[in-house]
Amino acid sequence: MNAIRQIQALNKRELENAVPPEASWHADYRDSAYINIGGLPFDLSEGDIVTIFSQFGEPVHVNLIRDKETGKSRGFAFLKYEDQRSTDLAVDNLGGATVMGRVLRVDHTRYKRREDEGEEDNVASIMGPAAGASRGSHDDTDERRRRRTSDADEKPRPMLKEEVELAELMRDHDEEDPMKEFLVQEKKEEVARALEELKSKSSRRHRRPDDNRERSSKHRHHRHRRSENRSRSRERSHRDRGETSRRDREYRDRSDYADRR
């Protein structure tokens, strides 16, 4: 129960302080899609565990620890999700839940498979051919969705130095220190300023191509106007030369007529 209370207390503090996901204590386990499940009723099978925990994601591997001699469940298991983010939901929502009179303990873990488990995921085989076929029918759709999301979204940015410091402060600082709340609030303000500065830099980078296109458009417009002005100058020059030639011819004609008379 102590582990359950500690997790609940951590989650409560993060909610009260509006801690961003990048600075959450869950972020320490971004490299592991496994959870550790304790307090399981002894009558539950691997399929029962998958059914319970599938409400928060797609389980792909489960290892229910059994007694080597009797084969009976020992009440705890390791489960891997397809998406690591599902582990956060399972830990927050199923830790402390009561199943068949027993309280579940759910926490993150970095699990290493034993040699006899192999490298292949086993949930599809545990849940039967129908589940495997159903899962397979959705694989292509899920893969296309992930590709679209990957193409549309930017790569996750690394945590800022201020965010790392905030996470360490909340995790490691003495809870009894009366200054902790002040220090946390001060660090959150630093994080907000750093994020605003990062957003401002990103906006400037996005504006540069537009500015270049605008300058290019203005340059083309000015060049077009200069070309039009040159064309008009040439037309006026032609008209002036034509008018001068006409007056000269008229003058010569009048002079010839006067001489003949």
Protein backbone atom coordinates (compact mmCIF):
# COMPACT_ATOMS: atom_id res chain seq x y z
CA MET A 1 0.00 0.00 0.00
CA ASN A 2 2.91 2.36 0.62
CA ALA A 3 3.93 2.21 -3.06
CA ILE A 4 0.36 2.96 -4.12
CA ARG A 5 0.13 5.94 -1.77
CA GLN A 6 3.46 7.30 -3.01
CA ILE A 7 2.35 7.15 -6.64
CA GLN A 8 -0.97 8.78 -5.81
CA ALA A 9 0.83 11.53 -3.89
CA LEU A 10 3.18 12.14 -6.82
CA ASN A 11 0.28 12.41 -9.23
CA LYS A 12 -1.61 14.76 -6.91
CA ARG A 13 1.36 17.12 -6.59
CA GLU A 14 1.84 17.17 -10.36
CA LEU A 15 -1.81 18.04 -10.90
CA GLU A 16 -1.69 20.82 -8.31
CA ASN A 17 1.48 22.29 -9.81
CA ALA A 18 0.39 21.82 -13.45
CA VAL A 19 3.58 19.94 -14.26
CA PRO A 20 4.00 19.41 -18.05
CA PRO A 21 4.25 15.80 -19.30
CA GLU A 22 7.93 16.27 -20.14
CA ALA A 23 8.71 17.01 -16.47
CA SER A 24 6.46 14.32 -14.99
CA TRP A 25 7.94 11.47 -12.96
CA HIS A 26 6.54 9.17 -15.65
CA ALA A 27 9.12 10.63 -18.07
CA ASP A 28 11.86 8.68 -16.29
CA TYR A 29 10.41 5.51 -17.87
CA ARG A 30 9.99 6.69 -21.46
CA ASP A 31 12.43 3.95 -22.49
CA SER A 32 10.27 1.09 -21.17
CA ALA A 33 6.81 -0.08 -22.26
CA TYR A 34 6.58 -2.60 -19.38
CA ILE A 35 4.60 -2.39 -16.16
CA ASN A 36 4.86 -4.50 -13.01
CA ILE A 37 1.52 -5.76 -11.66
CA GLY A 38 1.19 -7.04 -8.10
CA GLY A 39 -1.72 -8.09 -5.91
CA LEU A 40 -3.36 -10.14 -8.66
CA PRO A 41 -6.07 -12.61 -7.64
CA PHE A 42 -4.60 -16.09 -7.91
CA ASP A 43 -7.43 -17.33 -10.12
CA LEU A 44 -6.68 -14.87 -12.93
CA SER A 45 -5.08 -16.19 -16.11
CA GLU A 46 -2.89 -14.39 -18.62
CA GLY A 47 -5.96 -13.77 -20.78
CA ASP A 48 -7.80 -12.20 -17.83
CA ILE A 49 -4.88 -9.85 -17.18
CA VAL A 50 -4.75 -8.81 -20.83
CA THR A 51 -8.50 -8.15 -20.79
CA ILE A 52 -8.28 -5.94 -17.69
CA PHE A 53 -5.30 -3.90 -18.85
CA SER A 54 -6.33 -3.57 -22.50
CA GLN A 55 -8.72 -0.75 -21.57
CA PHE A 56 -5.68 1.56 -21.46
CA GLY A 57 -3.81 0.33 -24.52
CA GLU A 58 -2.81 -2.67 -26.62
CA PRO A 59 -0.90 -5.30 -24.57
CA VAL A 60 1.60 -7.25 -26.68
CA HIS A 61 3.41 -9.39 -24.10
CA VAL A 62 2.51 -10.73 -20.66
CA ASN A 63 4.42 -12.88 -18.23
CA LEU A 64 2.35 -14.16 -15.30
CA ILE A 65 4.76 -15.53 -12.71
CA ARG A 66 3.79 -19.06 -11.71
CA ASP A 67 5.10 -21.57 -9.22
CA LYS A 68 7.54 -23.89 -10.97
CA GLU A 69 6.21 -27.01 -9.27
CA THR A 70 2.46 -26.44 -9.09
CA GLY A 71 2.04 -24.02 -12.03
CA LYS A 72 -0.26 -21.84 -9.94
CA SER A 73 -0.14 -18.05 -10.16
CA ARG A 74 1.98 -16.28 -7.59
CA GLY A 75 -0.08 -13.09 -7.87
CA PHE A 76 2.17 -10.83 -9.91
CA ALA A 77 3.01 -10.34 -13.57
CA PHE A 78 4.84 -8.19 -16.11
CA LEU A 79 2.98 -6.71 -19.05
CA LYS A 80 4.22 -4.81 -22.11
CA TYR A 81 2.16 -2.33 -24.10
CA GLU A 82 2.49 -1.58 -27.81
CA ASP A 83 2.58 2.15 -27.01
CA GLN A 84 4.73 3.23 -24.06
CA ARG A 85 2.28 6.04 -23.20
CA SER A 86 -0.28 3.40 -22.21
CA THR A 87 1.90 2.51 -19.22
CA ASP A 88 1.27 5.98 -17.73
CA LEU A 89 -2.49 5.45 -17.97
CA ALA A 90 -2.35 1.96 -16.48
CA VAL A 91 -0.17 3.06 -13.55
CA ASP A 92 -2.35 6.08 -12.76
CA ASN A 93 -5.73 4.39 -13.18
CA LEU A 94 -5.27 0.76 -12.10
CA GLY A 95 -2.84 1.23 -9.23
CA GLY A 96 -5.00 0.82 -6.11
CA ALA A 97 -7.95 -0.68 -8.03
CA THR A 98 -9.72 -3.61 -6.39
CA VAL A 99 -10.17 -6.80 -8.41
CA MET A 100 -11.92 -9.79 -6.83
CA GLY A 101 -11.24 -8.43 -3.36
CA ARG A 102 -7.53 -7.75 -3.90
CA VAL A 103 -5.85 -4.36 -4.40
CA LEU A 104 -3.67 -4.09 -7.48
CA ARG A 105 -0.21 -2.56 -7.34
CA VAL A 106 0.84 -1.19 -10.73
CA ASP A 107 4.13 0.54 -11.43
CA HIS A 108 6.63 1.19 -14.20
CA THR A 109 9.48 -1.27 -14.59
CA ARG A 110 12.44 -1.96 -16.84
CA TYR A 111 11.88 -5.63 -17.56
CA LYS A 112 14.33 -7.92 -19.30
CA ARG A 113 12.92 -11.12 -20.74
CA ARG A 114 14.36 -14.43 -19.75
CA GLU A 115 15.89 -16.68 -22.38
CA ASP A 116 13.00 -19.15 -22.21
CA GLU A 117 10.51 -16.37 -23.06
CA GLY A 118 12.04 -15.66 -26.45
CA GLU A 119 11.88 -12.40 -28.36
CA GLU A 120 8.40 -12.79 -29.84
CA ASP A 121 5.34 -11.15 -28.24
CA ASN A 122 2.82 -13.67 -26.95
CA VAL A 123 -0.52 -11.92 -26.41
CA ALA A 124 -1.87 -12.83 -29.86
CA SER A 125 -1.25 -16.53 -29.22
CA ILE A 126 -2.64 -16.34 -25.67
CA MET A 127 -5.87 -14.69 -26.75
CA GLY A 128 -6.41 -17.18 -29.59
CA PRO A 129 -6.53 -17.10 -33.42
CA ALA A 130 -9.55 -14.81 -33.52
CA ALA A 131 -7.77 -12.14 -31.49
CA GLY A 132 -4.67 -12.58 -33.62
CA ALA A 133 -6.70 -12.21 -36.82
CA SER A 134 -8.52 -9.19 -35.45
CA ARG A 135 -5.25 -7.63 -34.44
CA GLY A 136 -3.77 -8.39 -37.85
CA SER A 137 -6.71 -6.79 -39.63
CA HIS A 138 -6.00 -3.54 -37.82
CA ASP A 139 -2.24 -3.62 -38.24
CA ASP A 140 -2.22 -1.92 -41.65
CA THR A 141 -4.66 0.76 -40.53
CA ASP A 142 -2.70 1.41 -37.36
CA GLU A 143 0.54 1.55 -39.31
CA ARG A 144 -0.88 4.03 -41.79
CA ARG A 145 -2.23 6.13 -38.94
CA ARG A 146 1.17 6.15 -37.23
CA ARG A 147 2.85 7.12 -40.48
CA ARG A 148 0.42 9.97 -41.04
CA THR A 149 0.94 11.16 -37.49
CA SER A 150 4.68 10.87 -37.88
CA ASP A 151 4.63 12.86 -41.11
CA ALA A 152 2.30 15.53 -39.76
CA ASP A 153 3.83 16.06 -36.36
CA GLU A 154 7.20 17.49 -35.62
CA LYS A 155 9.75 15.38 -33.85
CA PRO A 156 9.48 15.63 -30.07
CA ARG A 157 11.72 18.40 -28.86
CA PRO A 158 14.30 17.65 -26.17
CA MET A 159 13.51 18.86 -22.67
CA LEU A 160 14.76 22.32 -21.85
CA LYS A 161 17.35 22.72 -19.14
CA GLU A 162 14.75 24.49 -16.97
CA GLU A 163 12.28 21.60 -17.40
CA VAL A 164 14.92 19.07 -16.34
CA GLU A 165 15.75 21.15 -13.28
CA LEU A 166 12.05 21.42 -12.37
CA ALA A 167 11.58 17.65 -12.62
CA GLU A 168 14.65 17.01 -10.46
CA LEU A 169 13.54 19.59 -7.91
CA MET A 170 10.08 18.04 -7.53
CA ARG A 171 11.46 14.53 -7.38
CA ASP A 172 14.51 14.94 -5.15
CA HIS A 173 13.91 17.95 -2.91
CA ASP A 174 13.00 17.29 0.72
CA GLU A 175 9.23 17.32 1.17
CA GLU A 176 9.63 18.77 4.66
CA ASP A 177 11.50 21.82 3.43
CA PRO A 178 9.13 24.84 3.76
CA MET A 179 10.96 26.51 0.87
CA LYS A 180 10.14 23.76 -1.61
CA GLU A 181 6.83 25.26 -2.75
CA PHE A 182 8.49 28.64 -3.36
CA LEU A 183 11.40 27.05 -5.24
CA VAL A 184 9.03 24.99 -7.40
CA GLN A 185 6.95 28.05 -8.28
CA GLU A 186 10.08 30.03 -9.10
CA LYS A 187 11.37 27.24 -11.34
CA LYS A 188 7.99 26.97 -13.10
CA GLU A 189 8.21 30.66 -13.97
CA GLU A 190 11.66 30.05 -15.44
CA VAL A 191 10.24 27.19 -17.51
CA ALA A 192 7.43 29.45 -18.78
CA ARG A 193 9.92 32.14 -19.83
CA ALA A 194 12.15 29.58 -21.55
CA LEU A 195 9.18 28.11 -23.45
CA GLU A 196 8.05 31.59 -24.52
CA GLU A 197 11.55 32.37 -25.80
CA LEU A 198 11.64 29.06 -27.69
CA LYS A 199 8.25 29.80 -29.24
CA SER A 200 9.42 33.27 -30.27
CA LYS A 201 12.53 31.84 -31.98
CA SER A 202 10.41 29.26 -33.79
CA SER A 203 8.02 31.97 -35.01
CA ARG A 204 10.91 34.01 -36.39
CA ARG A 205 12.25 30.97 -38.27
CA HIS A 206 8.82 30.33 -39.81
CA ARG A 207 8.44 33.97 -40.87
CA ARG A 208 11.75 34.12 -42.77
CA PRO A 209 10.58 32.15 -45.84
CA ASP A 210 7.47 34.34 -46.06
CA ASP A 211 9.60 37.48 -45.86
CA ASN A 212 11.86 36.15 -48.61
CA ARG A 213 8.88 35.40 -50.82
CA GLU A 214 7.48 38.88 -50.17
CA ARG A 215 10.80 40.53 -51.05
CA SER A 216 11.07 38.40 -54.18
CA SER A 217 7.54 39.40 -55.19
CA LYS A 218 8.32 43.08 -54.66
CA HIS A 219 11.51 42.74 -56.69
CA ARG A 220 9.62 41.14 -59.59
CA HIS A 221 6.99 43.88 -59.38
CA HIS A 222 9.60 46.66 -59.49
CA ARG A 223 11.38 44.93 -62.37
CA HIS A 224 8.11 44.66 -64.26
CA ARG A 225 7.42 48.36 -63.71
CA ARG A 226 10.89 49.29 -64.95
CA SER A 227 10.32 47.18 -68.06
CA GLU A 228 6.98 48.93 -68.68
CA ASN A 229 8.62 52.35 -68.24
CA ARG A 230 11.34 51.46 -70.74
CA SER A 231 8.73 50.30 -73.24
CA ARG A 232 6.78 53.54 -72.87
CA SER A 233 9.98 55.58 -73.32
CA ARG A 234 10.75 53.73 -76.54
CA GLU A 235 7.22 54.33 -77.83
CA ARG A 236 7.44 58.06 -77.07
CA SER A 237 10.85 58.21 -78.78
CA HIS A 238 9.45 56.54 -81.90
CA ARG A 239 6.50 58.92 -81.94
CA ASP A 240 8.79 61.96 -81.54
CA ARG A 241 11.07 60.82 -84.37
CA GLY A 242 8.07 60.18 -86.57
CA GLU A 243 6.64 63.64 -85.84
CA THR A 244 9.99 65.32 -86.62
CA SER A 245 10.30 63.43 -89.93
CA ARG A 246 6.77 64.46 -90.92
CA ARG A 247 7.46 68.15 -90.23
CA ASP A 248 10.71 67.97 -92.23
CA ARG A 249 8.90 66.49 -95.23
CA GLU A 250 6.24 69.16 -95.10
CA TYR A 251 8.88 71.91 -94.94
CA ARG A 252 10.74 70.46 -97.93
CA ASP A 253 7.53 70.16 -99.93
CA ARG A 254 6.65 73.83 -99.29
CA SER A 255 10.18 74.91 -100.23
CA ASP A 256 10.05 72.96 -103.53
CA TYR A 257 6.68 74.47 -104.39
CA ALA A 258 7.93 77.99 -103.74
CA ASP A 259 10.99 77.45 -105.99
CA ARG A 260 8.89 76.15 -108.85
CA ARG A 261 6.74 79.25 -108.75
